[in-house]
Amino acid sequence: MQAEYPLPVDLFDSLDKTSPVPLYYQLATALEAAIRAETVPPGSRLENEISLGNRLGLSRPTIRRALQELVDKGLLVRRRGIGTQVVHGRVTRNVELTSLYEDLGHAGQTPTTRVISYEIGIADETAATELGVPVGNPVLELTRLRSADGVPLAILENTLPEDFIGITREELEVRGLYQLLKARGVAIRVANQRIGARAANANEADLLEIRRGSPLLTMSRTAFDNSGRAVEFGRHVYRPDLYSFELTLVDR
């Protein structure tokens, strides 16, 4: 496990216990400035609340509230069994035909994948409509948890037509789905994509290490190859504190 990073006490020289400004807010402001300036390096695992409170002469509730302020801003992330870490950086994705795996690599982050479920099933009405296949046709159904530098970022659900049932769980753990499709000669040319938002359910909150009911970005996409055949239907959710979509709008 990564060693704890002891925050330099002089980062908080500006704390004033006589000020009407709450101490948790002063602490959060000072730490935010240090994180944005990278005085506290990205990816650092912070010392625990008790240790920091003892060194600063502040109560544990004050420390906890200050850290939660920065968690809510997407600057820190809490991870069970690991503690509180400085986020490596928010990933901004242009709305274009790239995969999350590729986006993370371009952002200088290391993507990892945990395959939650891998099943050969049959197309229901939604999948059949999106993929242009008969209801009941064999399909490959996948659910993956994608992390960036070890921090859970997105849950990816995908359904693929039977041509791609040969894609293995082992391949999905080490490569992105679009990479695997390209390796099979698929040239993705166009996609229909819908972006939205909703609250996280209990299972999503557990996987993404967030609170139940926290906001999630949603994206559904049906991608087509250069012959117009649908090659995948995806329904994904993302942590908005770590990930965003970016569009360029042009006035016609």
Foldseek 3Di string as FASTA:
>chain_A
DDDADEDDLVLLPVQDPVDPPDRLQSVLVSVVVCLVVCVPPAFHAHDDLVVNCVVNVHDSVSSVSSLVVCVVLLQWAQDPPRGIGGHNAAQEAEPDPDDPCVSLVVVVWHKFKDWPDWDFFFADPVRCVLQVHDGGATKIWTWMFMDTNPATWKIKIKIFHPVVSVDDPVNVRPDPPVVVVVVVVFAWDDKDKDKDKFFADPVRCVSNVHDGGDMKIWMWMFIAGPVRGTGMIMIMIGDPSRYYYDYDDDDD
